[in-house]
Amino acid sequence: MKNSIRVSKKAYFLAMILTLLVISTCLVFSKAIVNEDPFDINQFKENIQASPDECWKKPAENRKNIICNKLTELQQLITEEQFEEAYDKLLHDIKPKLTELKENEYGEQWGNGVNKKPWVICSDLQATYGEDCDSILSQINPSILPPPLDSSPPVISINYIGDYHAGNPGEWVVDINDPQSGLGEVQIDVYYEDGNIVDSIDDQNLNGIESKTYNVPLLTIVGDYTIVVTATNVDDFSQTKSRVTTVLPDPGDPDPPPIIIG
């Protein structure tokens, strides 16, 4: 009985130690995740306000408030995706005051490399703020950020060339342009008046080409033809445009239908 009690106590203490290790690991991991989040600027501001006044040049409270206001402006620039302005503000205005360093996230210096009048005067706090600033700089560096999505769809124009008669039914000239992100794919379908597709173009993998022109002929069969063009850019924004054109009998045919020009 005593042996079983000893075993139970030993197991209990081992379980407690294991639990503490797990909790400790989770806390460290959680802290690492927070520190790696460059856009958690609210936490950055809270850390600044909670820092010791003796680590700041006087008046410490005023300097903390000014830095926090600058970080709020930085947040707004990031939200508006003005990354060049945000990067410049953090690199040339905020970081030198917090770290004494005039250098980017890669340690490359600008100016003389050192701010002789930093607002933070404790070296350990300077190092901490330097890591935070570099983390943000590495995420908003405009030279490595992907270009913004082009939310505007391609521009499509459909023009008819011909005389609307079966002898010369003509063709549609389809011009498609997307100078911002480029074209991804184009789908063109031609419908006869009975609803059947009489011609189709499926042009995929355009790989961002800026513009494309298609010449789509009409048939010599009298009737209404509808062309439907759908163009998608590389950012997956699409536009669809259609046009109806009527092919009439030749002028010498008896009882020609009324002219309807689409």
C-alpha atoms as a PDB file:
ATOM      1  CA  MET A   1       0.000   0.000   0.000  1.00  0.00           C
ATOM      2  CA  LYS A   2       2.803   2.396   0.905  1.00  0.00           C
ATOM      3  CA  ASN A   3       4.592   1.565  -2.335  1.00  0.00           C
ATOM      4  CA  SER A   4       1.473   2.390  -4.332  1.00  0.00           C
ATOM      5  CA  ILE A   5       1.157   5.713  -2.528  1.00  0.00           C
ATOM      6  CA  ARG A   6       4.802   6.527  -3.294  1.00  0.00           C
ATOM      7  CA  VAL A   7       4.219   5.675  -6.961  1.00  0.00           C
ATOM      8  CA  SER A   8       1.116   7.858  -7.079  1.00  0.00           C
ATOM      9  CA  LYS A   9       2.960  10.816  -5.544  1.00  0.00           C
ATOM     10  CA  LYS A  10       5.845  10.367  -7.964  1.00  0.00           C
ATOM     11  CA  ALA A  11       3.481  10.229 -10.924  1.00  0.00           C
ATOM     12  CA  TYR A  12       1.686  13.300  -9.627  1.00  0.00           C
ATOM     13  CA  PHE A  13       4.868  15.342  -9.376  1.00  0.00           C
ATOM     14  CA  LEU A  14       6.035  14.190 -12.803  1.00  0.00           C
ATOM     15  CA  ALA A  15       2.687  15.229 -14.234  1.00  0.00           C
ATOM     16  CA  MET A  16       2.953  18.632 -12.557  1.00  0.00           C
ATOM     17  CA  ILE A  17       6.455  19.173 -13.931  1.00  0.00           C
ATOM     18  CA  LEU A  18       5.326  18.171 -17.418  1.00  0.00           C
ATOM     19  CA  THR A  19       2.360  20.537 -17.208  1.00  0.00           C
ATOM     20  CA  LEU A  20       4.577  23.438 -16.147  1.00  0.00           C
ATOM     21  CA  LEU A  21       6.982  22.718 -18.999  1.00  0.00           C
ATOM     22  CA  VAL A  22       4.110  22.703 -21.496  1.00  0.00           C
ATOM     23  CA  ILE A  23       2.723  25.979 -20.147  1.00  0.00           C
ATOM     24  CA  SER A  24       6.162  27.572 -20.193  1.00  0.00           C
ATOM     25  CA  THR A  25       6.746  26.439 -23.763  1.00  0.00           C
ATOM     26  CA  CYS A  26       3.363  27.801 -24.866  1.00  0.00           C
ATOM     27  CA  LEU A  27       4.081  31.163 -23.273  1.00  0.00           C
ATOM     28  CA  VAL A  28       7.457  31.437 -24.959  1.00  0.00           C
ATOM     29  CA  PHE A  29       5.977  30.370 -28.298  1.00  0.00           C
ATOM     30  CA  SER A  30       3.107  32.816 -27.894  1.00  0.00           C
ATOM     31  CA  LYS A  31       5.542  35.625 -27.107  1.00  0.00           C
ATOM     32  CA  ALA A  32       7.573  34.762 -30.185  1.00  0.00           C
ATOM     33  CA  ILE A  33       4.472  34.918 -32.357  1.00  0.00           C
ATOM     34  CA  VAL A  34       3.501  38.328 -30.955  1.00  0.00           C
ATOM     35  CA  ASN A  35       7.009  39.688 -31.495  1.00  0.00           C
ATOM     36  CA  GLU A  36       6.997  38.416 -35.054  1.00  0.00           C
ATOM     37  CA  ASP A  37       3.749  40.195 -35.871  1.00  0.00           C
ATOM     38  CA  PRO A  38       4.989  43.456 -37.429  1.00  0.00           C
ATOM     39  CA  PHE A  39       1.551  45.006 -37.596  1.00  0.00           C
ATOM     40  CA  ASP A  40       0.787  44.681 -33.882  1.00  0.00           C
ATOM     41  CA  ILE A  41       1.688  48.318 -33.446  1.00  0.00           C
ATOM     42  CA  ASN A  42      -0.879  48.793 -30.687  1.00  0.00           C
ATOM     43  CA  GLN A  43       1.150  46.432 -28.515  1.00  0.00           C
ATOM     44  CA  PHE A  44       4.281  48.328 -29.517  1.00  0.00           C
ATOM     45  CA  LYS A  45       2.696  51.551 -28.236  1.00  0.00           C
ATOM     46  CA  GLU A  46       1.622  49.885 -25.001  1.00  0.00           C
ATOM     47  CA  ASN A  47       5.167  48.661 -24.421  1.00  0.00           C
ATOM     48  CA  ILE A  48       6.496  52.179 -24.965  1.00  0.00           C
ATOM     49  CA  GLN A  49       4.049  53.725 -22.497  1.00  0.00           C
ATOM     50  CA  ALA A  50       4.914  51.046 -19.910  1.00  0.00           C
ATOM     51  CA  SER A  51       8.678  51.470 -20.266  1.00  0.00           C
ATOM     52  CA  PRO A  52      10.683  53.075 -17.387  1.00  0.00           C
ATOM     53  CA  ASP A  53      10.820  56.856 -17.508  1.00  0.00           C
ATOM     54  CA  GLU A  54      14.499  56.793 -16.557  1.00  0.00           C
ATOM     55  CA  CYS A  55      15.243  55.144 -19.918  1.00  0.00           C
ATOM     56  CA  TRP A  56      13.947  58.201 -21.747  1.00  0.00           C
ATOM     57  CA  LYS A  57      15.265  61.722 -22.042  1.00  0.00           C
ATOM     58  CA  LYS A  58      13.158  64.229 -20.126  1.00  0.00           C
ATOM     59  CA  PRO A  59      10.322  64.925 -20.341  1.00  0.00           C
ATOM     60  CA  ALA A  60       9.780  61.181 -20.706  1.00  0.00           C
ATOM     61  CA  GLU A  61       5.976  61.275 -20.796  1.00  0.00           C
ATOM     62  CA  ASN A  62       5.880  63.839 -23.588  1.00  0.00           C
ATOM     63  CA  ARG A  63       8.410  61.918 -25.653  1.00  0.00           C
ATOM     64  CA  LYS A  64       6.473  58.663 -25.218  1.00  0.00           C
ATOM     65  CA  ASN A  65       3.262  60.352 -26.338  1.00  0.00           C
ATOM     66  CA  ILE A  66       4.943  61.851 -29.404  1.00  0.00           C
ATOM     67  CA  ILE A  67       6.386  58.485 -30.432  1.00  0.00           C
ATOM     68  CA  CYS A  68       3.009  56.807 -29.977  1.00  0.00           C
ATOM     69  CA  ASN A  69       1.392  59.481 -32.145  1.00  0.00           C
ATOM     70  CA  LYS A  70       4.002  58.812 -34.808  1.00  0.00           C
ATOM     71  CA  LEU A  71       3.256  55.088 -34.607  1.00  0.00           C
ATOM     72  CA  THR A  72      -0.446  55.850 -35.043  1.00  0.00           C
ATOM     73  CA  GLU A  73       0.416  57.797 -38.196  1.00  0.00           C
ATOM     74  CA  LEU A  74       2.488  54.799 -39.300  1.00  0.00           C
ATOM     75  CA  GLN A  75      -0.522  52.523 -38.778  1.00  0.00           C
ATOM     76  CA  GLN A  76      -2.653  54.778 -40.955  1.00  0.00           C
ATOM     77  CA  LEU A  77      -0.085  54.775 -43.753  1.00  0.00           C
ATOM     78  CA  ILE A  78       0.097  50.976 -43.639  1.00  0.00           C
ATOM     79  CA  THR A  79      -3.699  50.690 -43.663  1.00  0.00           C
ATOM     80  CA  GLU A  80      -3.807  52.930 -46.737  1.00  0.00           C
ATOM     81  CA  GLU A  81      -1.062  50.770 -48.321  1.00  0.00           C
ATOM     82  CA  GLN A  82       1.222  53.800 -48.616  1.00  0.00           C
ATOM     83  CA  PHE A  83       4.211  51.604 -47.923  1.00  0.00           C
ATOM     84  CA  GLU A  84       6.896  53.920 -49.277  1.00  0.00           C
ATOM     85  CA  GLU A  85       5.791  56.723 -46.959  1.00  0.00           C
ATOM     86  CA  ALA A  86       5.416  54.305 -44.030  1.00  0.00           C
ATOM     87  CA  TYR A  87       8.864  52.799 -44.600  1.00  0.00           C
ATOM     88  CA  ASP A  88      10.457  56.252 -44.836  1.00  0.00           C
ATOM     89  CA  LYS A  89       8.747  57.459 -41.661  1.00  0.00           C
ATOM     90  CA  LEU A  90       9.808  54.443 -39.625  1.00  0.00           C
ATOM     91  CA  LEU A  91      13.370  54.367 -40.977  1.00  0.00           C
ATOM     92  CA  HIS A  92      14.204  58.077 -40.848  1.00  0.00           C
ATOM     93  CA  ASP A  93      11.970  59.419 -38.092  1.00  0.00           C
ATOM     94  CA  ILE A  94      10.887  56.800 -35.555  1.00  0.00           C
ATOM     95  CA  LYS A  95      13.709  54.258 -35.432  1.00  0.00           C
ATOM     96  CA  PRO A  96      16.570  56.758 -34.862  1.00  0.00           C
ATOM     97  CA  LYS A  97      14.754  58.239 -31.877  1.00  0.00           C
ATOM     98  CA  LEU A  98      14.174  54.814 -30.322  1.00  0.00           C
ATOM     99  CA  THR A  99      17.448  53.075 -31.139  1.00  0.00           C
ATOM    100  CA  GLU A 100      20.156  55.695 -31.787  1.00  0.00           C
ATOM    101  CA  LEU A 101      20.706  53.936 -35.136  1.00  0.00           C
ATOM    102  CA  LYS A 102      20.452  55.340 -38.635  1.00  0.00           C
ATOM    103  CA  GLU A 103      20.287  52.036 -40.486  1.00  0.00           C
ATOM    104  CA  ASN A 104      17.746  49.838 -42.216  1.00  0.00           C
ATOM    105  CA  GLU A 105      16.612  46.359 -41.240  1.00  0.00           C
ATOM    106  CA  TYR A 106      19.710  44.882 -42.900  1.00  0.00           C
ATOM    107  CA  GLY A 107      22.157  47.023 -40.932  1.00  0.00           C
ATOM    108  CA  GLU A 108      22.896  49.277 -43.907  1.00  0.00           C
ATOM    109  CA  GLN A 109      23.590  52.804 -42.664  1.00  0.00           C
ATOM    110  CA  TRP A 110      22.209  56.067 -43.929  1.00  0.00           C
ATOM    111  CA  GLY A 111      23.612  59.497 -43.093  1.00  0.00           C
ATOM    112  CA  ASN A 112      26.339  59.104 -40.484  1.00  0.00           C
ATOM    113  CA  GLY A 113      24.752  55.911 -39.175  1.00  0.00           C
ATOM    114  CA  VAL A 114      24.216  57.234 -35.635  1.00  0.00           C
ATOM    115  CA  ASN A 115      21.662  59.557 -34.073  1.00  0.00           C
ATOM    116  CA  LYS A 116      23.558  61.553 -31.450  1.00  0.00           C
ATOM    117  CA  LYS A 117      20.358  62.656 -29.719  1.00  0.00           C
ATOM    118  CA  PRO A 118      18.171  59.570 -29.266  1.00  0.00           C
ATOM    119  CA  TRP A 119      15.132  59.789 -27.041  1.00  0.00           C
ATOM    120  CA  VAL A 120      15.714  56.340 -25.522  1.00  0.00           C
ATOM    121  CA  ILE A 121      18.955  56.185 -23.563  1.00  0.00           C
ATOM    122  CA  CYS A 122      18.951  52.634 -22.124  1.00  0.00           C
ATOM    123  CA  SER A 123      20.894  50.292 -24.403  1.00  0.00           C
ATOM    124  CA  ASP A 124      18.779  47.201 -23.635  1.00  0.00           C
ATOM    125  CA  LEU A 125      15.583  49.076 -24.461  1.00  0.00           C
ATOM    126  CA  GLN A 126      17.183  50.468 -27.610  1.00  0.00           C
ATOM    127  CA  ALA A 127      17.989  46.908 -28.704  1.00  0.00           C
ATOM    128  CA  THR A 128      14.414  45.752 -28.060  1.00  0.00           C
ATOM    129  CA  TYR A 129      12.912  48.641 -29.993  1.00  0.00           C
ATOM    130  CA  GLY A 130      15.427  48.051 -32.772  1.00  0.00           C
ATOM    131  CA  GLU A 131      14.181  44.500 -33.238  1.00  0.00           C
ATOM    132  CA  ASP A 132      10.580  45.706 -33.309  1.00  0.00           C
ATOM    133  CA  CYS A 133      11.361  48.414 -35.860  1.00  0.00           C
ATOM    134  CA  ASP A 134      13.337  46.025 -38.071  1.00  0.00           C
ATOM    135  CA  SER A 135      10.497  43.511 -37.974  1.00  0.00           C
ATOM    136  CA  ILE A 136       8.077  46.128 -39.266  1.00  0.00           C
ATOM    137  CA  LEU A 137      10.554  47.484 -41.822  1.00  0.00           C
ATOM    138  CA  SER A 138      11.091  44.024 -43.285  1.00  0.00           C
ATOM    139  CA  GLN A 139       7.342  43.644 -43.810  1.00  0.00           C
ATOM    140  CA  ILE A 140       6.580  47.044 -45.348  1.00  0.00           C
ATOM    141  CA  ASN A 141       9.705  47.415 -47.473  1.00  0.00           C
ATOM    142  CA  PRO A 142       8.209  48.529 -50.813  1.00  0.00           C
ATOM    143  CA  SER A 143      11.030  46.879 -52.762  1.00  0.00           C
ATOM    144  CA  ILE A 144       9.950  43.372 -51.702  1.00  0.00           C
ATOM    145  CA  LEU A 145       6.185  43.804 -51.431  1.00  0.00           C
ATOM    146  CA  PRO A 146       4.080  42.356 -54.255  1.00  0.00           C
ATOM    147  CA  PRO A 147       2.266  44.902 -56.411  1.00  0.00           C
ATOM    148  CA  PRO A 148      -1.250  45.731 -55.269  1.00  0.00           C
ATOM    149  CA  LEU A 149      -4.151  43.883 -56.828  1.00  0.00           C
ATOM    150  CA  ASP A 150      -5.665  45.473 -59.901  1.00  0.00           C
ATOM    151  CA  SER A 151      -9.340  45.628 -59.019  1.00  0.00           C
ATOM    152  CA  SER A 152     -10.272  47.254 -62.333  1.00  0.00           C
ATOM    153  CA  PRO A 153     -11.297  44.709 -64.997  1.00  0.00           C
ATOM    154  CA  PRO A 154      -9.992  44.669 -68.573  1.00  0.00           C
ATOM    155  CA  VAL A 155     -11.437  47.148 -71.069  1.00  0.00           C
ATOM    156  CA  ILE A 156     -13.245  45.543 -74.014  1.00  0.00           C
ATOM    157  CA  SER A 157     -14.301  47.198 -77.278  1.00  0.00           C
ATOM    158  CA  ILE A 158     -16.218  45.404 -80.059  1.00  0.00           C
ATOM    159  CA  ASN A 159     -16.371  47.071 -83.481  1.00  0.00           C
ATOM    160  CA  TYR A 160     -18.047  45.750 -86.633  1.00  0.00           C
ATOM    161  CA  ILE A 161     -16.526  46.013 -90.085  1.00  0.00           C
ATOM    162  CA  GLY A 162     -18.689  45.011 -93.070  1.00  0.00           C
ATOM    163  CA  ASP A 163     -21.869  45.949 -94.976  1.00  0.00           C
ATOM    164  CA  TYR A 164     -24.314  43.739 -93.027  1.00  0.00           C
ATOM    165  CA  HIS A 165     -25.126  41.615 -96.113  1.00  0.00           C
ATOM    166  CA  ALA A 166     -24.601  37.903 -96.707  1.00  0.00           C
ATOM    167  CA  GLY A 167     -22.272  38.695 -99.618  1.00  0.00           C
ATOM    168  CA  ASN A 168     -19.949  40.500 -97.210  1.00  0.00           C
ATOM    169  CA  PRO A 169     -21.004  39.624 -93.648  1.00  0.00           C
ATOM    170  CA  GLY A 170     -17.865  41.240 -92.293  1.00  0.00           C
ATOM    171  CA  GLU A 171     -16.244  40.698 -88.942  1.00  0.00           C
ATOM    172  CA  TRP A 172     -16.029  41.949 -85.390  1.00  0.00           C
ATOM    173  CA  VAL A 173     -12.742  43.479 -84.254  1.00  0.00           C
ATOM    174  CA  VAL A 174     -12.359  42.851 -80.535  1.00  0.00           C
ATOM    175  CA  ASP A 175      -9.761  44.948 -78.696  1.00  0.00           C
ATOM    176  CA  ILE A 176      -8.985  44.079 -75.073  1.00  0.00           C
ATOM    177  CA  ASN A 177      -6.639  46.078 -72.843  1.00  0.00           C
ATOM    178  CA  ASP A 178      -5.440  45.812 -69.255  1.00  0.00           C
ATOM    179  CA  PRO A 179      -2.279  47.926 -68.797  1.00  0.00           C
ATOM    180  CA  GLN A 180      -2.156  47.598 -65.014  1.00  0.00           C
ATOM    181  CA  SER A 181      -2.010  43.883 -64.266  1.00  0.00           C
ATOM    182  CA  GLY A 182      -2.230  42.380 -67.775  1.00  0.00           C
ATOM    183  CA  LEU A 183      -4.534  39.814 -69.308  1.00  0.00           C
ATOM    184  CA  GLY A 184      -4.938  36.309 -67.984  1.00  0.00           C
ATOM    185  CA  GLU A 185      -7.460  34.717 -70.318  1.00  0.00           C
ATOM    186  CA  VAL A 186     -10.131  35.584 -72.893  1.00  0.00           C
ATOM    187  CA  GLN A 187     -13.290  33.684 -73.843  1.00  0.00           C
ATOM    188  CA  ILE A 188     -15.234  34.626 -76.982  1.00  0.00           C
ATOM    189  CA  ASP A 189     -18.477  32.896 -78.026  1.00  0.00           C
ATOM    190  CA  VAL A 190     -20.623  33.669 -81.077  1.00  0.00           C
ATOM    191  CA  TYR A 191     -24.307  32.668 -80.941  1.00  0.00           C
ATOM    192  CA  TYR A 192     -26.701  32.379 -83.880  1.00  0.00           C
ATOM    193  CA  GLU A 193     -30.275  33.540 -83.379  1.00  0.00           C
ATOM    194  CA  ASP A 194     -31.404  29.982 -82.559  1.00  0.00           C
ATOM    195  CA  GLY A 195     -29.092  29.937 -79.521  1.00  0.00           C
ATOM    196  CA  ASN A 196     -26.437  27.634 -80.970  1.00  0.00           C
ATOM    197  CA  ILE A 197     -22.749  28.537 -80.687  1.00  0.00           C
ATOM    198  CA  VAL A 198     -21.292  28.896 -84.179  1.00  0.00           C
ATOM    199  CA  ASP A 199     -17.802  30.059 -83.208  1.00  0.00           C
ATOM    200  CA  SER A 200     -15.711  30.039 -80.045  1.00  0.00           C
ATOM    201  CA  ILE A 201     -12.257  31.251 -78.966  1.00  0.00           C
ATOM    202  CA  ASP A 202     -10.751  30.087 -75.674  1.00  0.00           C
ATOM    203  CA  ASP A 203      -7.458  31.956 -75.214  1.00  0.00           C
ATOM    204  CA  GLN A 204      -5.839  31.029 -71.911  1.00  0.00           C
ATOM    205  CA  ASN A 205      -2.417  31.538 -70.337  1.00  0.00           C
ATOM    206  CA  LEU A 206      -1.913  35.029 -71.753  1.00  0.00           C
ATOM    207  CA  ASN A 207       0.671  35.577 -68.994  1.00  0.00           C
ATOM    208  CA  GLY A 208      -0.045  39.249 -68.339  1.00  0.00           C
ATOM    209  CA  ILE A 209       0.096  40.550 -71.903  1.00  0.00           C
ATOM    210  CA  GLU A 210      -1.139  44.161 -71.923  1.00  0.00           C
ATOM    211  CA  SER A 211      -3.473  43.996 -74.932  1.00  0.00           C
ATOM    212  CA  LYS A 212      -4.860  41.569 -77.498  1.00  0.00           C
ATOM    213  CA  THR A 213      -6.898  41.972 -80.702  1.00  0.00           C
ATOM    214  CA  TYR A 214      -9.183  39.335 -82.205  1.00  0.00           C
ATOM    215  CA  ASN A 215     -10.816  39.321 -85.645  1.00  0.00           C
ATOM    216  CA  VAL A 216     -14.022  37.275 -85.438  1.00  0.00           C
ATOM    217  CA  PRO A 217     -15.833  36.706 -88.796  1.00  0.00           C
ATOM    218  CA  LEU A 218     -19.597  36.415 -89.155  1.00  0.00           C
ATOM    219  CA  LEU A 219     -21.220  33.675 -91.254  1.00  0.00           C
ATOM    220  CA  THR A 220     -22.807  34.219 -94.637  1.00  0.00           C
ATOM    221  CA  ILE A 221     -26.083  32.823 -93.309  1.00  0.00           C
ATOM    222  CA  VAL A 222     -28.766  35.460 -92.859  1.00  0.00           C
ATOM    223  CA  GLY A 223     -29.790  36.108 -89.246  1.00  0.00           C
ATOM    224  CA  ASP A 224     -28.870  37.674 -85.934  1.00  0.00           C
ATOM    225  CA  TYR A 225     -25.465  36.974 -84.399  1.00  0.00           C
ATOM    226  CA  THR A 226     -24.452  37.735 -80.836  1.00  0.00           C
ATOM    227  CA  ILE A 227     -20.819  37.920 -79.778  1.00  0.00           C
ATOM    228  CA  VAL A 228     -20.058  37.565 -76.050  1.00  0.00           C
ATOM    229  CA  VAL A 229     -16.555  38.463 -74.849  1.00  0.00           C
ATOM    230  CA  THR A 230     -15.280  37.763 -71.333  1.00  0.00           C
ATOM    231  CA  ALA A 231     -11.769  38.936 -70.414  1.00  0.00           C
ATOM    232  CA  THR A 232     -10.039  38.216 -67.101  1.00  0.00           C
ATOM    233  CA  ASN A 233      -6.841  39.852 -65.875  1.00  0.00           C
ATOM    234  CA  VAL A 234      -4.112  38.102 -63.899  1.00  0.00           C
ATOM    235  CA  ASP A 235      -5.674  39.303 -60.623  1.00  0.00           C
ATOM    236  CA  ASP A 236      -8.889  37.431 -61.519  1.00  0.00           C
ATOM    237  CA  PHE A 237     -11.044  40.494 -62.180  1.00  0.00           C
ATOM    238  CA  SER A 238     -13.196  40.039 -65.267  1.00  0.00           C
ATOM    239  CA  GLN A 239     -15.390  42.001 -67.642  1.00  0.00           C
ATOM    240  CA  THR A 240     -18.043  40.744 -70.090  1.00  0.00           C
ATOM    241  CA  LYS A 241     -19.325  42.644 -73.104  1.00  0.00           C
ATOM    242  CA  SER A 242     -21.620  41.612 -75.959  1.00  0.00           C
ATOM    243  CA  ARG A 243     -22.929  42.919 -79.257  1.00  0.00           C
ATOM    244  CA  VAL A 244     -25.668  41.836 -81.665  1.00  0.00           C
ATOM    245  CA  THR A 245     -25.199  42.188 -85.429  1.00  0.00           C
ATOM    246  CA  THR A 246     -27.696  41.220 -88.125  1.00  0.00           C
ATOM    247  CA  VAL A 247     -26.602  39.716 -91.445  1.00  0.00           C
ATOM    248  CA  LEU A 248     -29.161  40.630 -94.138  1.00  0.00           C
ATOM    249  CA  PRO A 249     -29.855  39.081 -97.545  1.00  0.00           C
ATOM    250  CA  ASP A 250     -27.984  40.566-100.464  1.00  0.00           C
ATOM    251  CA  PRO A 251     -29.708  43.650-101.941  1.00  0.00           C
ATOM    252  CA  GLY A 252     -30.854  41.719-105.043  1.00  0.00           C
ATOM    253  CA  ASP A 253     -32.772  39.125-102.995  1.00  0.00           C
ATOM    254  CA  PRO A 254     -36.598  39.376-103.147  1.00  0.00           C
ATOM    255  CA  ASP A 255     -38.476  40.557-100.057  1.00  0.00           C
ATOM    256  CA  PRO A 256     -35.451  41.549 -97.959  1.00  0.00           C
ATOM    257  CA  PRO A 257     -36.165  41.937 -94.255  1.00  0.00           C
ATOM    258  CA  PRO A 258     -35.942  45.399 -92.680  1.00  0.00           C
ATOM    259  CA  ILE A 259     -32.421  46.596 -91.961  1.00  0.00           C
ATOM    260  CA  ILE A 260     -31.503  46.239 -88.299  1.00  0.00           C
ATOM    261  CA  ILE A 261     -28.030  47.434 -87.472  1.00  0.00           C
ATOM    262  CA  GLY A 262     -26.588  46.263 -84.126  1.00  0.00           C
END
